[in-house]
């Protein structure tokens, strides 16, 4: 059974359970599901912005470059023959 078939089976099972709900309950459920999806999308966008967003710093580009260069450590050892 493929993942798509499994998901379809799960959804069909839920639809079977929900057929017995009143119209008001179905509308309430639709509203809550819509809110849930909107929150999930907002979280996903927020995560992407945090992961790939711009550097937020008060330092100038030159200060950042100088800081990076000054923090470099060379551990390269040259062995004599």
PDB file of N, CA and C in Angstrom:
ATOM      1  N   UNK A   1       0.860  -1.179   0.000  1.00  0.00           N
ATOM      2  CA  UNK A   1       0.000   0.000   0.000  1.00  0.00           C
ATOM      3  C   UNK A   1       0.898   1.231   0.000  1.00  0.00           C
ATOM      4  N   UNK A   2       0.681   2.098  -0.970  1.00  0.00           N
ATOM      5  CA  UNK A   2       1.516   3.295  -1.083  1.00  0.00           C
ATOM      6  C   UNK A   2       1.079   4.339  -0.053  1.00  0.00           C
ATOM      7  N   UNK A   3       1.919   5.322   0.118  1.00  0.00           N
ATOM      8  CA  UNK A   3       1.633   6.394   1.073  1.00  0.00           C
ATOM      9  C   UNK A   3       0.380   7.159   0.677  1.00  0.00           C
ATOM     10  N   UNK A   4       0.213   7.392  -0.612  1.00  0.00           N
ATOM     11  CA  UNK A   4      -0.967   8.101  -1.097  1.00  0.00           C
ATOM     12  C   UNK A   4      -2.242   7.315  -0.789  1.00  0.00           C
ATOM     13  N   UNK A   5      -2.204   6.018  -1.016  1.00  0.00           N
ATOM     14  CA  UNK A   5      -3.367   5.170  -0.722  1.00  0.00           C
ATOM     15  C   UNK A   5      -3.663   5.151   0.772  1.00  0.00           C
ATOM     16  N   UNK A   6      -2.590   5.116   1.591  1.00  0.00           N
ATOM     17  CA  UNK A   6      -2.759   5.113   3.040  1.00  0.00           C
ATOM     18  C   UNK A   6      -3.400   6.414   3.505  1.00  0.00           C
ATOM     19  N   UNK A   7      -2.909   7.545   2.975  1.00  0.00           N
ATOM     20  CA  UNK A   7      -3.486   8.843   3.338  1.00  0.00           C
ATOM     21  C   UNK A   7      -4.945   8.928   2.917  1.00  0.00           C
ATOM     22  N   UNK A   8      -5.261   8.415   1.726  1.00  0.00           N
ATOM     23  CA  UNK A   8      -6.647   8.426   1.246  1.00  0.00           C
ATOM     24  C   UNK A   8      -7.528   7.579   2.149  1.00  0.00           C
ATOM     25  N   UNK A   9      -7.014   6.448   2.593  1.00  0.00           N
ATOM     26  CA  UNK A   9      -7.772   5.576   3.491  1.00  0.00           C
ATOM     27  C   UNK A   9      -8.038   6.269   4.826  1.00  0.00           C
ATOM     28  N   UNK A  10      -7.039   6.950   5.338  1.00  0.00           N
ATOM     29  CA  UNK A  10      -7.199   7.661   6.610  1.00  0.00           C
ATOM     30  C   UNK A  10      -8.238   8.763   6.466  1.00  0.00           C
ATOM     31  N   UNK A  11      -8.135   9.533   5.393  1.00  0.00           N
ATOM     32  CA  UNK A  11      -9.090  10.623   5.164  1.00  0.00           C
ATOM     33  C   UNK A  11     -10.498  10.066   5.004  1.00  0.00           C
ATOM     34  N   UNK A  12     -10.643   8.998   4.255  1.00  0.00           N
ATOM     35  CA  UNK A  12     -11.964   8.385   4.083  1.00  0.00           C
ATOM     36  C   UNK A  12     -12.533   7.906   5.415  1.00  0.00           C
ATOM     37  N   UNK A  13     -11.672   7.405   6.275  1.00  0.00           N
ATOM     38  CA  UNK A  13     -12.120   6.981   7.605  1.00  0.00           C
ATOM     39  C   UNK A  13     -12.659   8.154   8.413  1.00  0.00           C
ATOM     40  N   UNK A  14     -11.943   9.274   8.367  1.00  0.00           N
ATOM     41  CA  UNK A  14     -12.413  10.467   9.078  1.00  0.00           C
ATOM     42  C   UNK A  14     -13.733  10.975   8.492  1.00  0.00           C
ATOM     43  N   UNK A  15     -13.849  10.968   7.186  1.00  0.00           N
ATOM     44  CA  UNK A  15     -15.083  11.433   6.556  1.00  0.00           C
ATOM     45  C   UNK A  15     -16.254  10.563   7.006  1.00  0.00           C
ATOM     46  N   UNK A  16     -16.035   9.268   7.104  1.00  0.00           N
ATOM     47  CA  UNK A  16     -17.082   8.370   7.587  1.00  0.00           C
ATOM     48  C   UNK A  16     -17.517   8.711   9.006  1.00  0.00           C
ATOM     49  N   UNK A  17     -16.559   9.074   9.845  1.00  0.00           N
ATOM     50  CA  UNK A  17     -16.896   9.457  11.221  1.00  0.00           C
ATOM     51  C   UNK A  17     -17.633  10.792  11.268  1.00  0.00           C
ATOM     52  N   UNK A  18     -17.245  11.699  10.386  1.00  0.00           N
ATOM     53  CA  UNK A  18     -17.798  13.047  10.426  1.00  0.00           C
ATOM     54  C   UNK A  18     -19.179  13.161   9.792  1.00  0.00           C
ATOM     55  N   UNK A  19     -19.594  12.167   9.034  1.00  0.00           N
ATOM     56  CA  UNK A  19     -20.911  12.205   8.397  1.00  0.00           C
ATOM     57  C   UNK A  19     -22.041  12.309   9.418  1.00  0.00           C
ATOM     58  N   UNK A  20     -21.809  11.836  10.617  1.00  0.00           N
ATOM     59  CA  UNK A  20     -22.855  11.848  11.648  1.00  0.00           C
ATOM     60  C   UNK A  20     -22.943  13.168  12.404  1.00  0.00           C
ATOM     61  N   UNK A  21     -22.029  14.083  12.155  1.00  0.00           N
ATOM     62  CA  UNK A  21     -22.057  15.371  12.847  1.00  0.00           C
ATOM     63  C   UNK A  21     -23.140  16.274  12.262  1.00  0.00           C
ATOM     64  N   UNK A  22     -23.593  17.197  13.101  1.00  0.00           N
ATOM     65  CA  UNK A  22     -24.569  18.176  12.621  1.00  0.00           C
ATOM     66  C   UNK A  22     -23.869  19.190  11.718  1.00  0.00           C
ATOM     67  N   UNK A  23     -24.656  19.949  10.988  1.00  0.00           N
ATOM     68  CA  UNK A  23     -24.100  20.961  10.087  1.00  0.00           C
ATOM     69  C   UNK A  23     -23.299  22.000  10.860  1.00  0.00           C
ATOM     70  N   UNK A  24     -23.783  22.416  12.008  1.00  0.00           N
ATOM     71  CA  UNK A  24     -23.081  23.415  12.825  1.00  0.00           C
ATOM     72  C   UNK A  24     -21.734  22.866  13.292  1.00  0.00           C
ATOM     73  N   UNK A  25     -21.711  21.613  13.704  1.00  0.00           N
ATOM     74  CA  UNK A  25     -20.458  21.008  14.150  1.00  0.00           C
ATOM     75  C   UNK A  25     -19.467  20.868  12.990  1.00  0.00           C
ATOM     76  N   UNK A  26     -19.974  20.526  11.814  1.00  0.00           N
ATOM     77  CA  UNK A  26     -19.106  20.419  10.639  1.00  0.00           C
ATOM     78  C   UNK A  26     -18.486  21.771  10.290  1.00  0.00           C
ATOM     79  N   UNK A  27     -19.314  22.821  10.341  1.00  0.00           N
ATOM     80  CA  UNK A  27     -18.795  24.163  10.047  1.00  0.00           C
ATOM     81  C   UNK A  27     -17.753  24.598  11.080  1.00  0.00           C
ATOM     82  N   UNK A  28     -17.999  24.271  12.339  1.00  0.00           N
ATOM     83  CA  UNK A  28     -17.045  24.587  13.396  1.00  0.00           C
ATOM     84  C   UNK A  28     -15.733  23.838  13.164  1.00  0.00           C
ATOM     85  N   UNK A  29     -15.830  22.587  12.770  1.00  0.00           N
ATOM     86  CA  UNK A  29     -14.649  21.785  12.489  1.00  0.00           C
ATOM     87  C   UNK A  29     -13.873  22.359  11.300  1.00  0.00           C
ATOM     88  N   UNK A  30     -14.583  22.770  10.261  1.00  0.00           N
ATOM     89  CA  UNK A  30     -13.928  23.392   9.102  1.00  0.00           C
ATOM     90  C   UNK A  30     -13.181  24.643   9.529  1.00  0.00           C
ATOM     91  N   UNK A  31     -13.787  25.452  10.368  1.00  0.00           N
ATOM     92  CA  UNK A  31     -13.159  26.679  10.846  1.00  0.00           C
ATOM     93  C   UNK A  31     -11.880  26.368  11.628  1.00  0.00           C
ATOM     94  N   UNK A  32     -11.951  25.382  12.507  1.00  0.00           N
ATOM     95  CA  UNK A  32     -10.788  25.018  13.327  1.00  0.00           C
ATOM     96  C   UNK A  32      -9.674  24.426  12.466  1.00  0.00           C
ATOM     97  N   UNK A  33     -10.023  23.606  11.486  1.00  0.00           N
ATOM     98  CA  UNK A  33      -9.017  23.044  10.584  1.00  0.00           C
ATOM     99  C   UNK A  33      -8.346  24.142   9.762  1.00  0.00           C
ATOM    100  N   UNK A  34      -9.141  25.101   9.295  1.00  0.00           N
ATOM    101  CA  UNK A  34      -8.581  26.221   8.524  1.00  0.00           C
ATOM    102  C   UNK A  34      -7.608  27.026   9.374  1.00  0.00           C
ATOM    103  N   UNK A  35      -7.969  27.277  10.608  1.00  0.00           N
ATOM    104  CA  UNK A  35      -7.079  28.017  11.513  1.00  0.00           C
ATOM    105  C   UNK A  35      -5.788  27.242  11.747  1.00  0.00           C
ATOM    106  N   UNK A  36      -5.925  25.945  11.907  1.00  0.00           N
ATOM    107  CA  UNK A  36      -4.765  25.088  12.135  1.00  0.00           C
ATOM    108  C   UNK A  36      -3.814  25.134  10.947  1.00  0.00           C
ATOM    109  N   UNK A  37      -4.341  25.091   9.748  1.00  0.00           N
ATOM    110  CA  UNK A  37      -3.509  25.139   8.546  1.00  0.00           C
ATOM    111  C   UNK A  37      -2.812  26.489   8.440  1.00  0.00           C
ATOM    112  N   UNK A  38      -3.525  27.576   8.740  1.00  0.00           N
ATOM    113  CA  UNK A  38      -2.927  28.908   8.679  1.00  0.00           C
ATOM    114  C   UNK A  38      -1.786  29.033   9.674  1.00  0.00           C
ATOM    115  N   UNK A  39      -1.964  28.478  10.871  1.00  0.00           N
ATOM    116  CA  UNK A  39      -0.909  28.524  11.890  1.00  0.00           C
ATOM    117  C   UNK A  39       0.291  27.716  11.431  1.00  0.00           C
ATOM    118  N   UNK A  40       0.041  26.529  10.852  1.00  0.00           N
ATOM    119  CA  UNK A  40       1.139  25.697  10.346  1.00  0.00           C
ATOM    120  C   UNK A  40       1.928  26.423   9.260  1.00  0.00           C
ATOM    121  N   UNK A  41       1.226  27.086   8.351  1.00  0.00           N
ATOM    122  CA  UNK A  41       1.902  27.825   7.281  1.00  0.00           C
ATOM    123  C   UNK A  41       2.710  28.983   7.838  1.00  0.00           C
ATOM    124  N   UNK A  42       2.159  29.672   8.833  1.00  0.00           N
ATOM    125  CA  UNK A  42       2.870  30.798   9.443  1.00  0.00           C
ATOM    126  C   UNK A  42       4.136  30.310  10.151  1.00  0.00           C
ATOM    127  N   UNK A  43       4.042  29.175  10.836  1.00  0.00           N
ATOM    128  CA  UNK A  43       5.211  28.619  11.513  1.00  0.00           C
ATOM    129  C   UNK A  43       6.275  28.231  10.502  1.00  0.00           C
ATOM    130  N   UNK A  44       5.851  27.639   9.400  1.00  0.00           N
ATOM    131  CA  UNK A  44       6.794  27.219   8.370  1.00  0.00           C
ATOM    132  C   UNK A  44       7.507  28.424   7.771  1.00  0.00           C
ATOM    133  N   UNK A  45       6.764  29.504   7.489  1.00  0.00           N
ATOM    134  CA  UNK A  45       7.380  30.709   6.941  1.00  0.00           C
ATOM    135  C   UNK A  45       8.341  31.323   7.949  1.00  0.00           C
ATOM    136  N   UNK A  46       7.937  31.321   9.224  1.00  0.00           N
ATOM    137  CA  UNK A  46       8.783  31.868  10.270  1.00  0.00           C
ATOM    138  C   UNK A  46      10.072  31.058  10.391  1.00  0.00           C
ATOM    139  N   UNK A  47       9.964  29.745  10.314  1.00  0.00           N
ATOM    140  CA  UNK A  47      11.137  28.881  10.403  1.00  0.00           C
ATOM    141  C   UNK A  47      12.097  29.150   9.252  1.00  0.00           C
ATOM    142  N   UNK A  48      11.547  29.298   8.063  1.00  0.00           N
ATOM    143  CA  UNK A  48      12.391  29.555   6.895  1.00  0.00           C
ATOM    144  C   UNK A  48      13.099  30.895   7.039  1.00  0.00           C
ATOM    145  N   UNK A  49      12.386  31.902   7.530  1.00  0.00           N
ATOM    146  CA  UNK A  49      13.013  33.212   7.718  1.00  0.00           C
ATOM    147  C   UNK A  49      14.121  33.131   8.757  1.00  0.00           C
ATOM    148  N   UNK A  50      13.897  32.376   9.830  1.00  0.00           N
ATOM    149  CA  UNK A  50      14.922  32.246  10.859  1.00  0.00           C
ATOM    150  C   UNK A  50      16.129  31.489  10.326  1.00  0.00           C
ATOM    151  N   UNK A  51      15.898  30.480   9.515  1.00  0.00           N
ATOM    152  CA  UNK A  51      16.992  29.658   9.022  1.00  0.00           C
ATOM    153  C   UNK A  51      17.804  30.366   7.938  1.00  0.00           C
ATOM    154  N   UNK A  52      17.147  31.169   7.113  1.00  0.00           N
ATOM    155  CA  UNK A  52      17.821  31.764   5.973  1.00  0.00           C
ATOM    156  C   UNK A  52      17.718  33.283   5.937  1.00  0.00           C
ATOM    157  N   UNK A  53      17.408  33.888   7.054  1.00  0.00           N
ATOM    158  CA  UNK A  53      17.228  35.334   7.088  1.00  0.00           C
ATOM    159  C   UNK A  53      18.552  36.082   7.048  1.00  0.00           C
ATOM    160  N   UNK A  54      18.460  37.360   6.919  1.00  0.00           N
ATOM    161  CA  UNK A  54      19.643  38.211   6.866  1.00  0.00           C
ATOM    162  C   UNK A  54      20.245  38.358   8.263  1.00  0.00           C
ATOM    163  N   UNK A  55      21.522  38.655   8.292  1.00  0.00           N
ATOM    164  CA  UNK A  55      22.214  38.884   9.549  1.00  0.00           C
ATOM    165  C   UNK A  55      21.721  40.195  10.150  1.00  0.00           C
ATOM    166  N   UNK A  56      21.286  40.144  11.388  1.00  0.00           N
ATOM    167  CA  UNK A  56      20.786  41.332  12.066  1.00  0.00           C
ATOM    168  C   UNK A  56      21.843  41.794  13.057  1.00  0.00           C
ATOM    169  N   UNK A  57      22.596  42.807  12.675  1.00  0.00           N
ATOM    170  CA  UNK A  57      23.685  43.283  13.509  1.00  0.00           C
ATOM    171  C   UNK A  57      23.794  44.796  13.403  1.00  0.00           C
ATOM    172  N   UNK A  58      24.242  45.409  14.473  1.00  0.00           N
ATOM    173  CA  UNK A  58      24.459  46.854  14.495  1.00  0.00           C
ATOM    174  C   UNK A  58      25.839  47.207  13.950  1.00  0.00           C
ATOM    175  N   UNK A  59      26.691  46.188  13.774  1.00  0.00           N
ATOM    176  CA  UNK A  59      28.053  46.427  13.306  1.00  0.00           C
ATOM    177  C   UNK A  59      28.053  46.713  11.808  1.00  0.00           C
ATOM    178  N   UNK A  60      29.053  47.460  11.396  1.00  0.00           N
ATOM    179  CA  UNK A  60      29.216  47.706   9.962  1.00  0.00           C
ATOM    180  C   UNK A  60      29.854  46.486   9.315  1.00  0.00           C
ATOM    181  N   UNK A  61      29.797  46.444   7.995  1.00  0.00           N
ATOM    182  CA  UNK A  61      30.393  45.324   7.269  1.00  0.00           C
ATOM    183  C   UNK A  61      31.895  45.248   7.544  1.00  0.00           C
ATOM    184  N   UNK A  62      32.547  46.396   7.602  1.00  0.00           N
ATOM    185  CA  UNK A  62      33.984  46.422   7.844  1.00  0.00           C
ATOM    186  C   UNK A  62      34.315  45.870   9.228  1.00  0.00           C
ATOM    187  N   UNK A  63      33.504  46.214  10.232  1.00  0.00           N
ATOM    188  CA  UNK A  63      33.736  45.702  11.588  1.00  0.00           C
ATOM    189  C   UNK A  63      33.564  44.189  11.636  1.00  0.00           C
ATOM    190  N   UNK A  64      32.593  43.688  10.953  1.00  0.00           N
ATOM    191  CA  UNK A  64      32.364  42.241  10.927  1.00  0.00           C
ATOM    192  C   UNK A  64      33.520  41.536  10.228  1.00  0.00           C
ATOM    193  N   UNK A  65      33.978  42.103   9.116  1.00  0.00           N
ATOM    194  CA  UNK A  65      35.107  41.516   8.389  1.00  0.00           C
ATOM    195  C   UNK A  65      36.356  41.508   9.263  1.00  0.00           C
ATOM    196  N   UNK A  66      36.635  42.632   9.934  1.00  0.00           N
ATOM    197  CA  UNK A  66      37.806  42.711  10.819  1.00  0.00           C
ATOM    198  C   UNK A  66      37.704  41.703  11.958  1.00  0.00           C
ATOM    199  N   UNK A  67      36.506  41.538  12.509  1.00  0.00           N
ATOM    200  CA  UNK A  67      36.302  40.580  13.594  1.00  0.00           C
ATOM    201  C   UNK A  67      36.558  39.148  13.119  1.00  0.00           C
ATOM    202  N   UNK A  68      36.088  38.830  11.942  1.00  0.00           N
ATOM    203  CA  UNK A  68      36.300  37.487  11.390  1.00  0.00           C
ATOM    204  C   UNK A  68      37.783  37.244  11.146  1.00  0.00           C
ATOM    205  N   UNK A  69      38.441  38.230  10.533  1.00  0.00           N
ATOM    206  CA  UNK A  69      39.865  38.068  10.243  1.00  0.00           C
ATOM    207  C   UNK A  69      40.699  37.953  11.516  1.00  0.00           C
ATOM    208  N   UNK A  70      40.356  38.722  12.534  1.00  0.00           N
ATOM    209  CA  UNK A  70      41.144  38.679  13.772  1.00  0.00           C
ATOM    210  C   UNK A  70      40.899  37.411  14.582  1.00  0.00           C
ATOM    211  N   UNK A  71      39.776  36.743  14.341  1.00  0.00           N
ATOM    212  CA  UNK A  71      39.489  35.531  15.103  1.00  0.00           C
ATOM    213  C   UNK A  71      40.048  34.270  14.444  1.00  0.00           C
ATOM    214  N   UNK A  72      40.626  34.411  13.270  1.00  0.00           N
ATOM    215  CA  UNK A  72      41.197  33.260  12.576  1.00  0.00           C
ATOM    216  C   UNK A  72      42.419  32.743  13.322  1.00  0.00           C
ATOM    217  N   UNK A  73      42.491  31.427  13.386  1.00  0.00           N
ATOM    218  CA  UNK A  73      43.618  30.787  14.050  1.00  0.00           C
ATOM    219  C   UNK A  73      44.230  29.790  13.073  1.00  0.00           C
ATOM    220  N   UNK A  74      45.506  29.889  12.895  1.00  0.00           N
ATOM    221  CA  UNK A  74      46.188  28.969  12.005  1.00  0.00           C
ATOM    222  C   UNK A  74      46.838  27.870  12.837  1.00  0.00           C
ATOM    223  N   UNK A  75      46.468  26.651  12.586  1.00  0.00           N
ATOM    224  CA  UNK A  75      47.064  25.519  13.298  1.00  0.00           C
ATOM    225  C   UNK A  75      47.935  24.695  12.359  1.00  0.00           C
ATOM    226  N   UNK A  76      48.231  25.262  11.236  1.00  0.00           N
ATOM    227  CA  UNK A  76      49.021  24.553  10.238  1.00  0.00           C
ATOM    228  C   UNK A  76      50.474  24.494  10.691  1.00  0.00           C
ATOM    229  N   UNK A  77      50.982  23.294  10.734  1.00  0.00           N
ATOM    230  CA  UNK A  77      52.386  23.103  11.123  1.00  0.00           C
ATOM    231  C   UNK A  77      53.142  22.592   9.911  1.00  0.00           C
ATOM    232  N   UNK A  78      54.236  23.232   9.633  1.00  0.00           N
ATOM    233  CA  UNK A  78      55.072  22.815   8.521  1.00  0.00           C
ATOM    234  C   UNK A  78      56.199  21.972   9.080  1.00  0.00           C
ATOM    235  N   UNK A  79      56.266  20.747   8.619  1.00  0.00           N
ATOM    236  CA  UNK A  79      57.300  19.842   9.090  1.00  0.00           C
ATOM    237  C   UNK A  79      58.530  19.948   8.207  1.00  0.00           C
ATOM    238  N   UNK A  80      59.677  19.902   8.844  1.00  0.00           N
ATOM    239  CA  UNK A  80      60.931  19.952   8.116  1.00  0.00           C
ATOM    240  C   UNK A  80      61.291  18.569   7.612  1.00  0.00           C
ATOM    241  N   UNK A  81      61.934  18.514   6.450  1.00  0.00           N
ATOM    242  CA  UNK A  81      62.355  17.224   5.894  1.00  0.00           C
ATOM    243  C   UNK A  81      63.718  16.853   6.387  1.00  0.00           C
TER     244      UNK A  81
END
